[in-house]
Amino acid sequence: MDDLNDWIGCMGGHPQTITPNLDRLAQSSVLFTNAHCAAPACNPSRTAIFTGMSPYRSGLYANNQKMREVLPEAELIPKWFSRHGYQSSGSGKLLHYFIDAQSWDDYFPNKESENPFPRTLYPEKRPMNLPVAGPWQYIETDWGALDATDDEFGGDYLVAKWAEEQLQKPHDKPFFMACGIYRPHEPWFVPKKYFEPFPLESIELPAGYKADDLADLPPEGKRRGPNRYFAHIQAHGKWRQAIQSYLASIHFADAMVGKILDALDNSPYADNTIVVLWSDHGWHLGEKEHWQKYTGWRVCTRVPLMIRVPQGAAGLPGGAQPAKCDKPVNLVSLFPTLAELCGMERPKQADAPSLVPLLKDANAEWPHVSITCLEDPGSFSVSGESWRLIHYANGDEELYDARKDPYEWSNLAGDSRYAAIRQKLFSQAPQSFAKKPAPSVASLESLPWVAASEKAIPPSQPDGVTFDVHFLNRSKHPVKLWWVDRQGTMKSYGQIPAGKERSQSTRPGAVWAITTIGDKPLGHFRVGDRSSKAVVPAE
């Protein structure tokens, strides 16, 4: 499941959540109550899970990096199982917006498309509920109830239906099947019946929200806390509506999980199939003045993790007795855990401990901590059994007693009474960090090229952090690059020779114009919310 925090019944994250299917799975599983992601963003988290390699070893820390550029030779879990005699199939979002067709025997939608999403119903006009404040804003931060059935909505319903069909088929060899449920990832559009149990006037704010929560944070923590999404949502009076939509999306996703579990329970494979349910990272809904993800705080690093092991598994013949385990574990352990449970050798590239000892005994001795890497190498959090340390690359730190202070309201990093605890956690953190390769220019999204017309070029409306845009001149002649300021005045930034490229620091909403050497307008680009390439087409 994508972007799911602890707002499920068995974890108690929000009193109004409705998750009967997740709760019944937890009752037959080992529920890890202190599980954390390898990184608080989709791409590095999912890459770590499917390769068994932590970001500090792989070098993949961020969403804008490309997995196969950073790790061209890494073997993913499905390929591993295929090589060991399994049929590997998948559906939905499992990696970060691509499928990696070479790693799968079968996929829905078609693996060669590299598009993991089946048809999904969205409103024709968007955004529907949250006005766009500027070019920095992610357009998917939007929500609403749809007048549609599950089938008409499509999306995760079609993923669950596909899984149901796979479980009804006869299989002549063991199978590895992965189902990527996209909700509660934004946008929070689901059929209206999933909104009905959550009347807007009854919605409760997150228990972890505290208005002055940033006062005791170091500068780097304060920088990573407030973001414009939360302020924008509050300014438009949409906070409770957003919470309602997140709860509705969880309720819908839970129903899709139930559809898959029912299919498994009614199949010939009910008693010999290992089930693992995980979320790639948590999600802020106002805690620490933050919206979305990307932080080292517990609300963002902690994830639901359930593992159900029936009797007869090669690596655990007696199966796993249902239990709650509060030992600190990490999702990067899933690859070696599955390999051991299925009686295979340990994958050489995996760098985390197998969870099988805890599946045998939830209270077993466990000397490990859980490491979550932030986007910049050297920034990370360390989660122990009761304490958590957040260390930033510049040396700023936060220390929390998670048992007494689960919402991390009291930063104890500056209190000398806890220096030994801080030092022990720090000593268990990585001592070195792989470099972070930048994505190639070729892999970046292309900005739309707007050919010159009689209409005036629009002025820039820059708003947001700076990043590079890479201008590629594919024409046979040199061109001039111009920045268009807020008043619409063009300012020269030099030439780009024919067939060459140059990088330019800029911001979301900036407009860059292209002319001939003789100043004849050719066209312009408007910068989006991330690093991109801007291709000047051939004549």
Protein backbone atom coordinates (compact mmCIF):
# COMPACT_ATOMS: atom_id res chain seq x y z
CA MET A 1 0.00 0.00 0.00
CA ASP A 2 1.19 3.50 -0.87
CA ASP A 3 1.61 6.40 1.61
CA LEU A 4 -0.21 4.57 4.44
CA ASN A 5 0.77 5.64 7.95
CA ASP A 6 -0.52 4.04 11.18
CA TRP A 7 -4.15 5.08 10.58
CA ILE A 8 -5.40 1.50 10.73
CA GLY A 9 -7.41 -0.06 13.53
CA CYS A 10 -4.77 -2.47 14.79
CA MET A 11 -2.18 0.33 15.08
CA GLY A 12 -4.49 2.95 16.59
CA GLY A 13 -3.26 5.92 14.59
CA HIS A 14 -6.67 7.57 14.17
CA PRO A 15 -9.83 6.67 16.09
CA GLN A 16 -12.15 7.08 13.09
CA THR A 17 -10.37 4.86 10.59
CA ILE A 18 -12.25 1.85 9.19
CA THR A 19 -9.95 -1.05 8.24
CA PRO A 20 -11.61 -4.38 9.01
CA ASN A 21 -9.58 -6.30 6.43
CA LEU A 22 -6.20 -5.01 7.53
CA ASP A 23 -7.23 -5.76 11.10
CA ARG A 24 -8.23 -9.36 10.34
CA LEU A 25 -4.95 -9.90 8.48
CA ALA A 26 -3.09 -8.56 11.53
CA GLN A 27 -4.92 -11.05 13.75
CA SER A 28 -3.46 -13.96 11.78
CA SER A 29 0.00 -12.42 11.29
CA VAL A 30 3.01 -11.14 13.12
CA LEU A 31 2.26 -7.41 13.31
CA PHE A 32 5.46 -5.39 13.53
CA THR A 33 4.53 -2.28 15.51
CA ASN A 34 8.00 -0.73 15.24
CA ALA A 35 8.68 -1.20 11.52
CA HIS A 36 10.27 1.60 9.51
CA CYS A 37 10.98 2.37 5.88
CA ALA A 38 14.46 2.51 4.39
CA ALA A 39 13.66 6.01 3.07
CA PRO A 40 10.62 8.30 3.46
CA ALA A 41 9.96 8.54 -0.28
CA CYS A 42 8.49 6.10 -2.79
CA ASN A 43 11.44 5.46 -5.09
CA PRO A 44 14.23 4.84 -2.56
CA SER A 45 11.93 2.89 -0.24
CA ARG A 46 10.65 0.57 -2.96
CA THR A 47 14.09 0.16 -4.49
CA ALA A 48 15.46 -0.86 -1.09
CA ILE A 49 12.66 -3.40 -0.63
CA PHE A 50 12.96 -4.98 -4.06
CA THR A 51 16.79 -5.08 -4.09
CA GLY A 52 17.47 -5.68 -0.40
CA MET A 53 19.95 -2.77 -0.50
CA SER A 54 19.73 0.20 1.85
CA PRO A 55 20.09 3.68 0.30
CA TYR A 56 23.36 4.33 2.11
CA ARG A 57 24.80 1.36 0.19
CA SER A 58 23.03 1.69 -3.14
CA GLY A 59 23.26 5.46 -3.56
CA LEU A 60 19.57 5.72 -4.44
CA TYR A 61 18.18 8.28 -2.01
CA ALA A 62 15.54 10.28 -3.89
CA ASN A 63 12.49 10.08 -6.13
CA ASN A 64 14.17 11.81 -9.08
CA GLN A 65 16.91 9.20 -9.41
CA LYS A 66 16.42 6.33 -11.86
CA MET A 67 16.80 2.85 -10.38
CA ARG A 68 18.37 1.26 -13.44
CA GLU A 69 20.83 4.14 -13.86
CA VAL A 70 22.02 3.77 -10.26
CA LEU A 71 21.70 -0.04 -10.04
CA PRO A 72 21.90 -1.45 -13.58
CA GLU A 73 22.78 -4.99 -12.44
CA ALA A 74 20.66 -5.35 -9.29
CA GLU A 75 18.37 -8.36 -9.19
CA LEU A 76 14.85 -7.68 -7.94
CA ILE A 77 12.76 -10.03 -5.80
CA PRO A 78 10.56 -11.27 -8.69
CA LYS A 79 13.57 -12.18 -10.83
CA TRP A 80 15.15 -13.94 -7.86
CA PHE A 81 12.06 -16.09 -7.42
CA SER A 82 11.81 -16.77 -11.16
CA ARG A 83 15.38 -18.06 -11.14
CA HIS A 84 14.43 -20.36 -8.28
CA GLY A 85 11.52 -22.00 -10.07
CA TYR A 86 8.66 -19.63 -9.27
CA GLN A 87 6.21 -17.85 -11.55
CA SER A 88 6.58 -14.13 -10.77
CA SER A 89 3.69 -11.82 -11.54
CA GLY A 90 2.64 -8.38 -10.43
CA SER A 91 0.13 -5.60 -10.83
CA GLY A 92 -0.16 -1.94 -9.91
CA LYS A 93 2.47 0.38 -8.49
CA LEU A 94 5.29 -1.69 -7.02
CA LEU A 95 8.34 0.27 -8.13
CA HIS A 96 8.32 4.04 -8.65
CA TYR A 97 6.12 4.61 -11.72
CA PHE A 98 7.76 1.94 -13.86
CA ILE A 99 7.55 -1.85 -14.04
CA ASP A 100 11.07 -3.05 -14.93
CA ALA A 101 9.65 -5.57 -17.40
CA GLN A 102 12.79 -7.70 -17.41
CA SER A 103 12.15 -8.69 -13.78
CA TRP A 104 8.66 -10.18 -14.25
CA ASP A 105 7.15 -13.20 -15.96
CA ASP A 106 3.73 -11.57 -16.13
CA TYR A 107 2.21 -8.21 -15.26
CA PHE A 108 -1.06 -6.29 -15.37
CA PRO A 109 -1.16 -3.92 -17.18
CA ASN A 110 1.18 -5.23 -19.89
CA LYS A 111 4.71 -5.19 -18.50
CA GLU A 112 6.23 -3.90 -21.75
CA SER A 113 4.23 -0.70 -21.38
CA GLU A 114 6.26 0.19 -18.25
CA ASN A 115 3.05 1.86 -17.01
CA PRO A 116 1.88 0.09 -13.83
CA PHE A 117 -1.51 1.78 -13.65
CA PRO A 118 -4.74 0.31 -15.03
CA ARG A 119 -7.44 2.75 -16.14
CA THR A 120 -8.55 5.01 -13.30
CA LEU A 121 -11.46 7.45 -13.16
CA TYR A 122 -10.62 11.05 -12.27
CA PRO A 123 -12.69 14.25 -12.55
CA GLU A 124 -12.41 16.00 -15.89
CA LYS A 125 -11.58 19.35 -14.30
CA ARG A 126 -8.83 19.42 -11.72
CA PRO A 127 -7.92 20.50 -9.15
CA MET A 128 -11.37 19.92 -7.76
CA ASN A 129 -11.06 20.86 -4.09
CA LEU A 130 -7.76 22.64 -3.45
CA PRO A 131 -6.89 25.74 -5.51
CA VAL A 132 -3.43 25.87 -7.05
CA ALA A 133 -1.32 28.35 -5.10
CA GLY A 134 1.63 28.39 -7.45
CA PRO A 135 3.87 26.37 -9.76
CA TRP A 136 5.47 24.66 -6.76
CA GLN A 137 2.27 22.78 -5.96
CA TYR A 138 1.89 19.08 -6.76
CA ILE A 139 -1.27 18.83 -8.83
CA GLU A 140 -2.22 15.50 -7.24
CA THR A 141 -2.81 17.20 -3.88
CA ASP A 142 -6.54 17.05 -4.49
CA TRP A 143 -9.47 14.92 -3.36
CA GLY A 144 -13.17 14.23 -3.61
CA ALA A 145 -15.98 11.67 -3.63
CA LEU A 146 -16.79 10.18 -7.04
CA ASP A 147 -20.25 9.12 -8.15
CA ALA A 148 -18.97 5.77 -9.41
CA THR A 149 -18.90 2.09 -8.60
CA ASP A 150 -15.64 0.32 -7.78
CA ASP A 151 -15.51 -1.11 -11.28
CA GLU A 152 -16.19 2.27 -12.88
CA PHE A 153 -13.45 3.80 -10.75
CA GLY A 154 -10.98 1.12 -11.83
CA GLY A 155 -7.47 1.61 -10.46
CA ASP A 156 -6.89 -0.51 -7.39
CA TYR A 157 -10.15 -2.35 -7.97
CA LEU A 158 -8.75 -3.71 -11.23
CA VAL A 159 -5.48 -4.66 -9.48
CA ALA A 160 -7.46 -6.57 -6.83
CA LYS A 161 -9.65 -8.18 -9.50
CA TRP A 162 -6.53 -9.30 -11.37
CA ALA A 163 -5.15 -10.85 -8.16
CA GLU A 164 -8.47 -12.57 -7.56
CA GLU A 165 -8.31 -14.09 -11.05
CA GLN A 166 -4.74 -15.29 -10.56
CA LEU A 167 -5.73 -17.07 -7.36
CA GLN A 168 -8.57 -18.84 -9.14
CA LYS A 169 -6.22 -20.33 -11.74
CA PRO A 170 -4.43 -23.65 -11.39
CA HIS A 171 -0.68 -23.23 -10.93
CA ASP A 172 1.74 -26.00 -11.79
CA LYS A 173 4.63 -24.40 -9.88
CA PRO A 174 4.98 -22.06 -6.89
CA PHE A 175 4.25 -18.41 -7.49
CA PHE A 176 5.38 -15.02 -6.27
CA MET A 177 2.61 -12.47 -6.71
CA ALA A 178 2.86 -8.77 -5.89
CA CYS A 179 -0.12 -6.39 -5.74
CA GLY A 180 0.48 -2.65 -5.61
CA ILE A 181 -2.50 -0.87 -4.01
CA TYR A 182 -2.07 2.83 -4.90
CA ARG A 183 -4.45 4.39 -2.37
CA PRO A 184 -4.09 6.19 -0.05
CA HIS A 185 -1.57 7.90 -2.32
CA GLU A 186 -2.78 11.25 -3.63
CA PRO A 187 -5.08 12.22 -5.26
CA TRP A 188 -7.68 11.09 -2.76
CA PHE A 189 -10.50 10.38 -5.21
CA VAL A 190 -12.49 7.21 -4.47
CA PRO A 191 -16.16 6.21 -4.89
CA LYS A 192 -18.46 8.21 -2.61
CA LYS A 193 -19.61 5.17 -0.61
CA TYR A 194 -16.16 5.18 1.05
CA PHE A 195 -16.71 8.80 2.18
CA GLU A 196 -20.11 8.18 3.73
CA PRO A 197 -18.86 6.76 7.07
CA PHE A 198 -16.85 9.97 7.65
CA PRO A 199 -19.21 12.98 7.98
CA LEU A 200 -17.12 16.12 7.60
CA GLU A 201 -18.42 17.75 10.79
CA SER A 202 -17.25 14.73 12.83
CA ILE A 203 -13.66 14.58 11.56
CA GLU A 204 -10.99 14.64 14.26
CA LEU A 205 -7.60 16.27 13.72
CA PRO A 206 -4.43 14.14 13.94
CA ALA A 207 -3.56 13.24 17.52
CA GLY A 208 0.09 14.04 16.83
CA TYR A 209 -0.53 17.66 15.88
CA LYS A 210 0.78 20.30 18.27
CA ALA A 211 0.79 23.96 17.31
CA ASP A 212 4.18 24.86 18.87
CA ASP A 213 5.87 21.56 18.04
CA LEU A 214 8.80 23.16 16.20
CA ALA A 215 10.07 25.31 19.05
CA ASP A 216 12.69 22.85 20.32
CA LEU A 217 13.99 21.71 16.93
CA PRO A 218 17.45 22.53 15.59
CA PRO A 219 17.68 24.73 12.46
CA GLU A 220 17.76 21.78 10.07
CA GLY A 221 14.67 20.27 11.70
CA LYS A 222 12.82 23.57 11.53
CA ARG A 223 13.75 23.86 7.86
CA ARG A 224 12.29 20.44 7.08
CA GLY A 225 9.15 20.93 9.12
CA PRO A 226 6.80 23.60 7.78
CA ASN A 227 5.91 23.36 4.12
CA ARG A 228 3.53 25.37 2.02
CA TYR A 229 1.06 22.55 1.48
CA PHE A 230 -0.12 22.52 5.08
CA ALA A 231 -0.32 26.32 5.29
CA HIS A 232 -2.21 26.42 1.97
CA ILE A 233 -4.65 23.73 3.09
CA GLN A 234 -5.28 25.57 6.36
CA ALA A 235 -5.68 28.94 4.62
CA HIS A 236 -8.50 27.53 2.51
CA GLY A 237 -10.19 25.75 5.42
CA LYS A 238 -9.59 22.32 3.89
CA TRP A 239 -7.76 20.49 6.69
CA ARG A 240 -10.70 18.40 7.88
CA GLN A 241 -11.82 17.78 4.32
CA ALA A 242 -8.34 16.44 3.49
CA ILE A 243 -8.36 14.18 6.56
CA GLN A 244 -11.80 12.93 5.57
CA SER A 245 -10.50 12.11 2.08
CA TYR A 246 -7.41 10.33 3.42
CA LEU A 247 -9.62 8.22 5.70
CA ALA A 248 -11.95 7.45 2.78
CA SER A 249 -9.00 6.43 0.63
CA ILE A 250 -7.73 4.12 3.36
CA HIS A 251 -11.22 2.62 3.70
CA PHE A 252 -11.30 1.98 -0.05
CA ALA A 253 -7.79 0.49 -0.08
CA ASP A 254 -8.73 -1.75 2.85
CA ALA A 255 -11.70 -3.06 0.87
CA MET A 256 -9.38 -3.92 -2.02
CA VAL A 257 -7.07 -5.77 0.37
CA GLY A 258 -10.14 -7.64 1.60
CA LYS A 259 -11.03 -8.62 -1.95
CA ILE A 260 -7.58 -10.18 -2.38
CA LEU A 261 -7.65 -11.92 1.02
CA ASP A 262 -11.08 -13.36 0.32
CA ALA A 263 -9.85 -14.71 -3.00
CA LEU A 264 -6.86 -16.32 -1.28
CA ASP A 265 -9.00 -17.80 1.50
CA ASN A 266 -11.31 -19.37 -1.11
CA SER A 267 -8.48 -20.71 -3.25
CA PRO A 268 -6.45 -23.95 -3.17
CA TYR A 269 -3.51 -21.88 -1.94
CA ALA A 270 -5.02 -20.63 1.32
CA ASP A 271 -2.91 -22.90 3.53
CA ASN A 272 0.45 -22.69 1.79
CA THR A 273 0.83 -19.01 0.87
CA ILE A 274 2.95 -16.49 2.78
CA VAL A 275 1.29 -13.06 2.95
CA VAL A 276 3.20 -9.82 3.49
CA LEU A 277 1.52 -6.43 3.74
CA TRP A 278 3.58 -3.25 3.88
CA SER A 279 3.40 0.46 3.16
CA ASP A 280 6.37 2.22 1.58
CA HIS A 281 6.43 5.04 4.17
CA GLY A 282 4.21 7.07 6.45
CA TRP A 283 2.49 10.39 5.82
CA HIS A 284 2.14 13.76 7.57
CA LEU A 285 -1.28 15.41 7.82
CA GLY A 286 -0.15 18.50 9.72
CA GLU A 287 2.17 17.00 12.33
CA LYS A 288 5.33 19.12 12.62
CA GLU A 289 3.51 21.69 10.44
CA HIS A 290 4.21 19.31 7.54
CA TRP A 291 2.18 17.73 4.77
CA GLN A 292 3.26 14.73 2.67
CA LYS A 293 6.48 12.80 3.44
CA TYR A 294 10.31 13.13 3.09
CA THR A 295 11.06 13.60 6.81
CA GLY A 296 12.88 11.59 9.46
CA TRP A 297 10.12 11.85 12.07
CA ARG A 298 8.33 8.75 13.30
CA VAL A 299 5.01 9.71 11.68
CA CYS A 300 6.79 9.44 8.33
CA THR A 301 9.28 6.59 8.84
CA ARG A 302 6.99 4.17 10.70
CA VAL A 303 4.92 1.84 8.54
CA PRO A 304 2.40 -1.00 8.83
CA LEU A 305 4.09 -4.38 8.33
CA MET A 306 2.31 -7.73 8.69
CA ILE A 307 3.70 -11.15 7.80
CA ARG A 308 1.55 -14.29 7.84
CA VAL A 309 3.41 -17.59 7.54
CA PRO A 310 1.41 -20.84 7.40
CA GLN A 311 2.77 -24.19 8.54
CA GLY A 312 5.02 -25.94 6.07
CA ALA A 313 7.23 -23.05 4.96
CA ALA A 314 10.70 -24.43 4.24
CA GLY A 315 12.41 -21.87 6.45
CA LEU A 316 9.82 -21.97 9.23
CA PRO A 317 8.05 -25.38 9.14
CA GLY A 318 5.85 -24.64 12.14
CA GLY A 319 4.67 -21.35 10.68
CA ALA A 320 4.47 -18.06 12.55
CA GLN A 321 2.08 -17.73 15.46
CA PRO A 322 0.04 -14.48 15.44
CA ALA A 323 1.74 -11.91 17.64
CA LYS A 324 2.73 -8.29 18.01
CA CYS A 325 6.43 -7.53 17.75
CA ASP A 326 7.82 -4.20 18.94
CA LYS A 327 11.42 -4.81 17.90
CA PRO A 328 12.86 -2.18 15.49
CA VAL A 329 12.77 -3.65 11.98
CA ASN A 330 13.13 -2.26 8.47
CA LEU A 331 11.41 -3.00 5.16
CA VAL A 332 14.78 -3.65 3.56
CA SER A 333 14.71 -6.97 5.44
CA LEU A 334 11.84 -8.32 3.35
CA PHE A 335 14.00 -9.76 0.55
CA PRO A 336 16.25 -11.92 2.79
CA THR A 337 13.23 -12.84 4.92
CA LEU A 338 11.26 -14.20 1.98
CA ALA A 339 14.29 -16.04 0.63
CA GLU A 340 14.86 -17.76 3.99
CA LEU A 341 11.19 -18.60 4.47
CA CYS A 342 11.16 -20.30 1.06
CA GLY A 343 14.30 -22.32 1.79
CA MET A 344 16.69 -20.40 -0.46
CA GLU A 345 20.17 -19.09 0.12
CA ARG A 346 20.53 -15.52 1.30
CA PRO A 347 20.70 -13.00 -1.59
CA LYS A 348 24.27 -11.70 -1.70
CA GLN A 349 23.25 -8.10 -2.35
CA ALA A 350 20.91 -7.97 0.69
CA ASP A 351 22.35 -5.97 3.59
CA ALA A 352 19.69 -6.30 6.32
CA PRO A 353 18.95 -9.09 8.77
CA SER A 354 16.23 -11.63 8.02
CA LEU A 355 13.11 -11.30 10.18
CA VAL A 356 12.70 -15.06 10.54
CA PRO A 357 14.02 -15.09 14.16
CA LEU A 358 11.21 -12.67 15.09
CA LEU A 359 8.65 -14.69 13.16
CA LYS A 360 9.69 -17.69 15.28
CA ASP A 361 9.54 -15.67 18.48
CA ALA A 362 8.33 -12.06 18.52
CA ASN A 363 10.27 -11.49 21.75
CA ALA A 364 13.55 -12.98 20.54
CA GLU A 365 16.83 -11.22 21.19
CA TRP A 366 17.23 -8.56 18.48
CA PRO A 367 20.42 -6.47 18.56
CA HIS A 368 19.54 -4.43 15.47
CA VAL A 369 18.23 -0.92 14.92
CA SER A 370 16.31 0.38 11.92
CA ILE A 371 17.94 2.97 9.65
CA THR A 372 15.94 5.40 7.52
CA CYS A 373 17.96 7.50 5.08
CA LEU A 374 16.85 10.98 4.10
CA GLU A 375 17.43 12.48 0.66
CA ASP A 376 20.86 13.94 1.40
CA PRO A 377 23.59 11.38 2.22
CA GLY A 378 24.56 11.63 5.87
CA SER A 379 21.07 12.57 7.07
CA PHE A 380 19.19 9.68 8.67
CA SER A 381 17.10 8.45 11.56
CA VAL A 382 17.91 5.53 13.86
CA SER A 383 14.97 3.71 15.44
CA GLY A 384 15.67 1.54 18.46
CA GLU A 385 13.28 -0.40 20.64
CA SER A 386 12.25 2.70 22.55
CA TRP A 387 14.47 5.60 21.43
CA ARG A 388 14.89 7.41 18.12
CA LEU A 389 17.73 9.61 16.89
CA ILE A 390 17.51 11.92 13.88
CA HIS A 391 20.90 13.05 12.65
CA TYR A 392 21.29 15.63 9.88
CA ALA A 393 24.35 15.85 7.67
CA ASN A 394 25.28 19.25 9.12
CA GLY A 395 25.42 17.77 12.65
CA ASP A 396 22.02 18.93 13.93
CA GLU A 397 20.19 16.24 15.91
CA GLU A 398 16.91 15.30 17.53
CA LEU A 399 16.42 12.60 20.17
CA TYR A 400 13.07 11.18 21.25
CA ASP A 401 11.77 8.63 23.75
CA ALA A 402 9.19 6.97 21.49
CA ARG A 403 7.49 5.07 24.32
CA LYS A 404 6.84 8.13 26.48
CA ASP A 405 6.62 10.59 23.58
CA PRO A 406 5.22 8.75 20.52
CA TYR A 407 4.45 12.00 18.69
CA GLU A 408 7.99 13.31 19.25
CA TRP A 409 7.00 16.57 20.87
CA SER A 410 10.04 16.79 23.19
CA ASN A 411 13.48 16.90 21.60
CA LEU A 412 15.99 15.61 24.17
CA ALA A 413 19.12 15.86 22.03
CA GLY A 414 20.52 18.75 24.06
CA ASP A 415 19.94 17.09 27.44
CA SER A 416 23.18 15.68 28.84
CA ARG A 417 21.24 13.06 30.81
CA TYR A 418 20.61 11.21 27.58
CA ALA A 419 24.07 11.55 26.04
CA ALA A 420 24.84 7.84 26.45
CA ILE A 421 21.59 6.85 24.73
CA ARG A 422 22.33 9.25 21.90
CA GLN A 423 25.86 7.90 21.51
CA LYS A 424 24.72 4.28 21.42
CA LEU A 425 22.19 4.98 18.69
CA PHE A 426 24.70 7.00 16.69
CA SER A 427 27.29 4.21 16.97
CA GLN A 428 24.79 1.81 15.35
CA ALA A 429 24.24 4.10 12.36
CA PRO A 430 26.13 3.75 9.04
CA GLN A 431 29.66 5.05 9.15
CA SER A 432 29.83 5.79 5.44
CA PHE A 433 27.31 6.72 2.76
CA ALA A 434 27.33 5.93 -0.93
CA LYS A 435 27.47 8.94 -3.23
CA LYS A 436 24.19 10.11 -4.74
CA PRO A 437 24.37 9.94 -8.55
CA ALA A 438 22.28 12.58 -10.30
CA PRO A 439 19.76 11.35 -12.89
CA SER A 440 20.96 11.60 -16.47
CA VAL A 441 19.62 14.46 -18.57
CA ALA A 442 18.13 11.91 -20.97
CA SER A 443 15.98 10.43 -18.18
CA LEU A 444 14.42 13.76 -17.15
CA GLU A 445 10.91 14.81 -18.09
CA SER A 446 10.66 17.22 -21.03
CA LEU A 447 9.13 20.66 -20.61
CA PRO A 448 6.48 21.49 -23.22
CA TRP A 449 7.84 23.53 -26.12
CA VAL A 450 5.57 26.47 -26.98
CA ALA A 451 6.31 27.64 -30.52
CA ALA A 452 6.45 31.39 -31.17
CA SER A 453 3.21 33.10 -32.13
CA GLU A 454 1.86 36.62 -32.35
CA LYS A 455 0.88 36.47 -28.69
CA ALA A 456 3.29 37.97 -26.18
CA ILE A 457 5.46 35.59 -24.20
CA PRO A 458 4.01 35.35 -20.67
CA PRO A 459 6.02 36.78 -17.77
CA SER A 460 7.73 34.56 -15.21
CA GLN A 461 6.02 33.80 -11.93
CA PRO A 462 8.92 32.19 -10.08
CA ASP A 463 7.99 30.55 -6.79
CA GLY A 464 9.81 27.74 -5.00
CA VAL A 465 13.28 26.30 -4.55
CA THR A 466 15.95 26.43 -7.25
CA PHE A 467 17.03 23.50 -9.39
CA ASP A 468 18.60 22.96 -12.80
CA VAL A 469 16.84 22.83 -16.14
CA HIS A 470 18.90 21.44 -19.00
CA PHE A 471 18.46 23.20 -22.36
CA LEU A 472 19.21 21.00 -25.38
CA ASN A 473 19.54 22.74 -28.75
CA ARG A 474 18.56 20.14 -31.34
CA SER A 475 18.45 22.66 -34.19
CA LYS A 476 21.20 23.12 -36.77
CA HIS A 477 21.90 26.69 -35.71
CA PRO A 478 22.96 28.42 -32.52
CA VAL A 479 20.18 29.98 -30.47
CA LYS A 480 19.91 32.61 -27.76
CA LEU A 481 18.52 31.88 -24.30
CA TRP A 482 16.50 34.56 -22.53
CA TRP A 483 14.94 34.75 -19.08
CA VAL A 484 11.55 36.52 -19.06
CA ASP A 485 11.21 38.47 -15.81
CA ARG A 486 8.06 39.19 -13.81
CA GLN A 487 7.30 42.24 -15.96
CA GLY A 488 7.73 40.31 -19.21
CA THR A 489 11.12 41.87 -20.02
CA MET A 490 13.58 39.50 -21.71
CA LYS A 491 17.10 39.29 -20.30
CA SER A 492 19.83 37.55 -22.26
CA TYR A 493 21.58 34.50 -20.82
CA GLY A 494 23.89 33.89 -23.73
CA GLN A 495 23.95 31.41 -26.59
CA ILE A 496 23.56 27.65 -26.96
CA PRO A 497 25.53 26.31 -29.95
CA ALA A 498 23.85 23.98 -32.44
CA GLY A 499 23.58 20.42 -31.10
CA LYS A 500 24.83 21.46 -27.64
CA GLU A 501 23.26 21.75 -24.22
CA ARG A 502 23.63 23.84 -21.09
CA SER A 503 22.29 23.72 -17.56
CA GLN A 504 20.62 26.70 -15.97
CA SER A 505 19.56 27.19 -12.36
CA THR A 506 15.94 28.32 -12.18
CA ARG A 507 12.71 28.06 -10.20
CA PRO A 508 9.17 26.78 -10.73
CA GLY A 509 7.11 29.17 -12.82
CA ALA A 510 10.07 30.78 -14.60
CA VAL A 511 9.72 31.37 -18.34
CA TRP A 512 12.68 30.94 -20.69
CA ALA A 513 12.52 32.12 -24.28
CA ILE A 514 14.52 30.95 -27.27
CA THR A 515 15.38 33.15 -30.27
CA THR A 516 17.65 33.00 -33.28
CA ILE A 517 20.98 34.79 -33.12
CA GLY A 518 19.19 37.60 -34.94
CA ASP A 519 16.61 37.75 -32.09
CA LYS A 520 13.74 36.20 -34.07
CA PRO A 521 11.42 34.45 -31.57
CA LEU A 522 11.34 30.67 -31.86
CA GLY A 523 9.43 29.63 -28.74
CA HIS A 524 9.53 29.38 -24.96
CA PHE A 525 9.38 27.01 -21.98
CA ARG A 526 7.65 27.40 -18.62
CA VAL A 527 9.48 25.61 -15.81
CA GLY A 528 7.51 23.08 -13.76
CA ASP A 529 8.07 21.89 -10.20
CA ARG A 530 11.20 19.80 -10.75
CA SER A 531 14.44 19.46 -12.68
CA SER A 532 13.69 18.83 -16.36
CA LYS A 533 15.07 19.06 -19.86
CA ALA A 534 13.99 21.71 -22.34
CA VAL A 535 14.50 20.55 -25.91
CA VAL A 536 14.71 23.16 -28.66
CA PRO A 537 13.40 21.19 -31.66
CA ALA A 538 15.08 20.89 -35.04
CA GLU A 539 13.71 23.30 -37.65
